[in-house]
Amino acid sequence: MWCNHVIIKINHREEFMDTLIELLTNTFGIDESEINRYKTLEDMGLDSICIVELQVEIERKFSKKDGSLTLINTDTLDNILIKLDDI
């Protein structure tokens, strides 16, 4: 039972990661080859306005309450996944 829970959680995280990558490529035109789960949002070329827009899109896409997610320029995609798990 525990093992199945871990597998579901890993698959869930990978689906979230795929969705984040899709948002970055489709909304901000970032080439998928430039996206790295350990690069900061700033290093991927997002300024503060883009980061707020990404935050809103993530909340909408993942059905999170408005304002429940806070992103900053030093966040990585891995950090965002952790934040999504916490809310």
C-alpha atoms as a PDB file:
ATOM      1  CA  MET A   1       0.000   0.000   0.000  1.00  0.00           C
ATOM      2  CA  TRP A   2       2.757   2.470   0.939  1.00  0.00           C
ATOM      3  CA  CYS A   3       4.681   1.604  -2.225  1.00  0.00           C
ATOM      4  CA  ASN A   4       1.640   2.346  -4.396  1.00  0.00           C
ATOM      5  CA  HIS A   5       1.243   5.712  -2.649  1.00  0.00           C
ATOM      6  CA  VAL A   6       4.861   6.603  -3.473  1.00  0.00           C
ATOM      7  CA  ILE A   7       4.429   5.596  -7.118  1.00  0.00           C
ATOM      8  CA  ILE A   8       1.245   7.661  -7.421  1.00  0.00           C
ATOM      9  CA  LYS A   9       2.974  10.653  -5.806  1.00  0.00           C
ATOM     10  CA  ILE A  10       5.955  10.358  -8.184  1.00  0.00           C
ATOM     11  CA  ASN A  11       3.660  10.087 -11.222  1.00  0.00           C
ATOM     12  CA  HIS A  12       1.649  13.031  -9.902  1.00  0.00           C
ATOM     13  CA  ARG A  13       4.817  15.146  -9.567  1.00  0.00           C
ATOM     14  CA  GLU A  14       5.920  14.225 -13.093  1.00  0.00           C
ATOM     15  CA  GLU A  15       2.515  15.242 -14.466  1.00  0.00           C
ATOM     16  CA  PHE A  16       2.820  18.553 -12.600  1.00  0.00           C
ATOM     17  CA  MET A  17       6.338  19.032 -13.995  1.00  0.00           C
ATOM     18  CA  ASP A  18       5.089  18.369 -17.537  1.00  0.00           C
ATOM     19  CA  THR A  19       2.337  20.946 -17.015  1.00  0.00           C
ATOM     20  CA  LEU A  20       4.828  23.531 -15.698  1.00  0.00           C
ATOM     21  CA  ILE A  21       7.064  22.964 -18.719  1.00  0.00           C
ATOM     22  CA  GLU A  22       4.052  23.304 -21.012  1.00  0.00           C
ATOM     23  CA  LEU A  23       3.122  26.615 -19.348  1.00  0.00           C
ATOM     24  CA  LEU A  24       6.653  27.948 -19.775  1.00  0.00           C
ATOM     25  CA  THR A  25       6.846  26.974 -23.442  1.00  0.00           C
ATOM     26  CA  ASN A  26       3.321  27.966 -24.487  1.00  0.00           C
ATOM     27  CA  THR A  27       2.823  31.092 -22.375  1.00  0.00           C
ATOM     28  CA  PHE A  28       6.320  32.562 -22.368  1.00  0.00           C
ATOM     29  CA  GLY A  29       7.860  31.047 -25.497  1.00  0.00           C
ATOM     30  CA  ILE A  30      10.749  29.458 -23.634  1.00  0.00           C
ATOM     31  CA  ASP A  31      12.357  26.716 -25.702  1.00  0.00           C
ATOM     32  CA  GLU A  32      11.960  23.361 -23.976  1.00  0.00           C
ATOM     33  CA  SER A  33      15.710  22.730 -24.305  1.00  0.00           C
ATOM     34  CA  GLU A  34      16.306  25.827 -22.135  1.00  0.00           C
ATOM     35  CA  ILE A  35      14.081  24.557 -19.321  1.00  0.00           C
ATOM     36  CA  ASN A  36      15.814  22.870 -16.420  1.00  0.00           C
ATOM     37  CA  ARG A  37      14.088  21.878 -13.186  1.00  0.00           C
ATOM     38  CA  TYR A  38      17.056  23.273 -11.227  1.00  0.00           C
ATOM     39  CA  LYS A  39      17.367  26.626 -13.046  1.00  0.00           C
ATOM     40  CA  THR A  40      15.765  29.633 -11.400  1.00  0.00           C
ATOM     41  CA  LEU A  41      12.847  31.353 -13.064  1.00  0.00           C
ATOM     42  CA  GLU A  42      15.086  34.373 -13.534  1.00  0.00           C
ATOM     43  CA  ASP A  43      17.773  32.239 -15.212  1.00  0.00           C
ATOM     44  CA  MET A  44      15.109  30.989 -17.624  1.00  0.00           C
ATOM     45  CA  GLY A  45      14.445  34.611 -18.612  1.00  0.00           C
ATOM     46  CA  LEU A  46      11.326  35.432 -16.594  1.00  0.00           C
ATOM     47  CA  ASP A  47      11.075  38.916 -15.108  1.00  0.00           C
ATOM     48  CA  SER A  48       8.886  39.807 -12.128  1.00  0.00           C
ATOM     49  CA  ILE A  49       5.799  40.471 -14.252  1.00  0.00           C
ATOM     50  CA  CYS A  50       6.155  37.120 -16.032  1.00  0.00           C
ATOM     51  CA  ILE A  51       6.599  35.384 -12.681  1.00  0.00           C
ATOM     52  CA  VAL A  52       3.323  36.858 -11.399  1.00  0.00           C
ATOM     53  CA  GLU A  53       1.610  35.772 -14.627  1.00  0.00           C
ATOM     54  CA  LEU A  54       3.082  32.267 -14.203  1.00  0.00           C
ATOM     55  CA  GLN A  55       1.833  32.200 -10.617  1.00  0.00           C
ATOM     56  CA  VAL A  56      -1.703  33.056 -11.731  1.00  0.00           C
ATOM     57  CA  GLU A  57      -1.592  30.447 -14.510  1.00  0.00           C
ATOM     58  CA  ILE A  58      -0.365  27.760 -12.094  1.00  0.00           C
ATOM     59  CA  GLU A  59      -3.129  28.579  -9.596  1.00  0.00           C
ATOM     60  CA  ARG A  60      -5.694  28.390 -12.385  1.00  0.00           C
ATOM     61  CA  LYS A  61      -4.287  25.217 -13.962  1.00  0.00           C
ATOM     62  CA  PHE A  62      -3.973  23.345 -10.668  1.00  0.00           C
ATOM     63  CA  SER A  63      -7.222  24.723  -9.183  1.00  0.00           C
ATOM     64  CA  LYS A  64      -5.458  26.396  -6.275  1.00  0.00           C
ATOM     65  CA  LYS A  65      -7.048  29.222  -4.328  1.00  0.00           C
ATOM     66  CA  ASP A  66      -6.060  32.652  -5.649  1.00  0.00           C
ATOM     67  CA  GLY A  67      -3.094  33.961  -3.692  1.00  0.00           C
ATOM     68  CA  SER A  68      -2.216  30.599  -2.160  1.00  0.00           C
ATOM     69  CA  LEU A  69       1.008  30.362  -4.176  1.00  0.00           C
ATOM     70  CA  THR A  70       3.850  32.853  -4.019  1.00  0.00           C
ATOM     71  CA  LEU A  71       6.670  32.660  -6.538  1.00  0.00           C
ATOM     72  CA  ILE A  72       9.936  34.584  -6.528  1.00  0.00           C
ATOM     73  CA  ASN A  73      12.679  34.960  -9.119  1.00  0.00           C
ATOM     74  CA  THR A  74      14.956  32.450  -7.358  1.00  0.00           C
ATOM     75  CA  ASP A  75      12.370  29.646  -7.417  1.00  0.00           C
ATOM     76  CA  THR A  76      13.134  26.584  -9.516  1.00  0.00           C
ATOM     77  CA  LEU A  77      10.586  24.195 -10.979  1.00  0.00           C
ATOM     78  CA  ASP A  78      11.461  21.762  -8.195  1.00  0.00           C
ATOM     79  CA  ASN A  79      10.738  24.477  -5.600  1.00  0.00           C
ATOM     80  CA  ILE A  80       7.397  25.171  -7.261  1.00  0.00           C
ATOM     81  CA  LEU A  81       6.443  21.487  -7.065  1.00  0.00           C
ATOM     82  CA  ILE A  82       7.233  21.492  -3.345  1.00  0.00           C
ATOM     83  CA  LYS A  83       5.121  24.623  -2.864  1.00  0.00           C
ATOM     84  CA  LEU A  84       2.238  23.001  -4.750  1.00  0.00           C
ATOM     85  CA  ASP A  85       2.449  19.958  -2.478  1.00  0.00           C
ATOM     86  CA  ASP A  86       2.212  22.247   0.557  1.00  0.00           C
ATOM     87  CA  ILE A  87      -0.989  24.036  -0.514  1.00  0.00           C
END
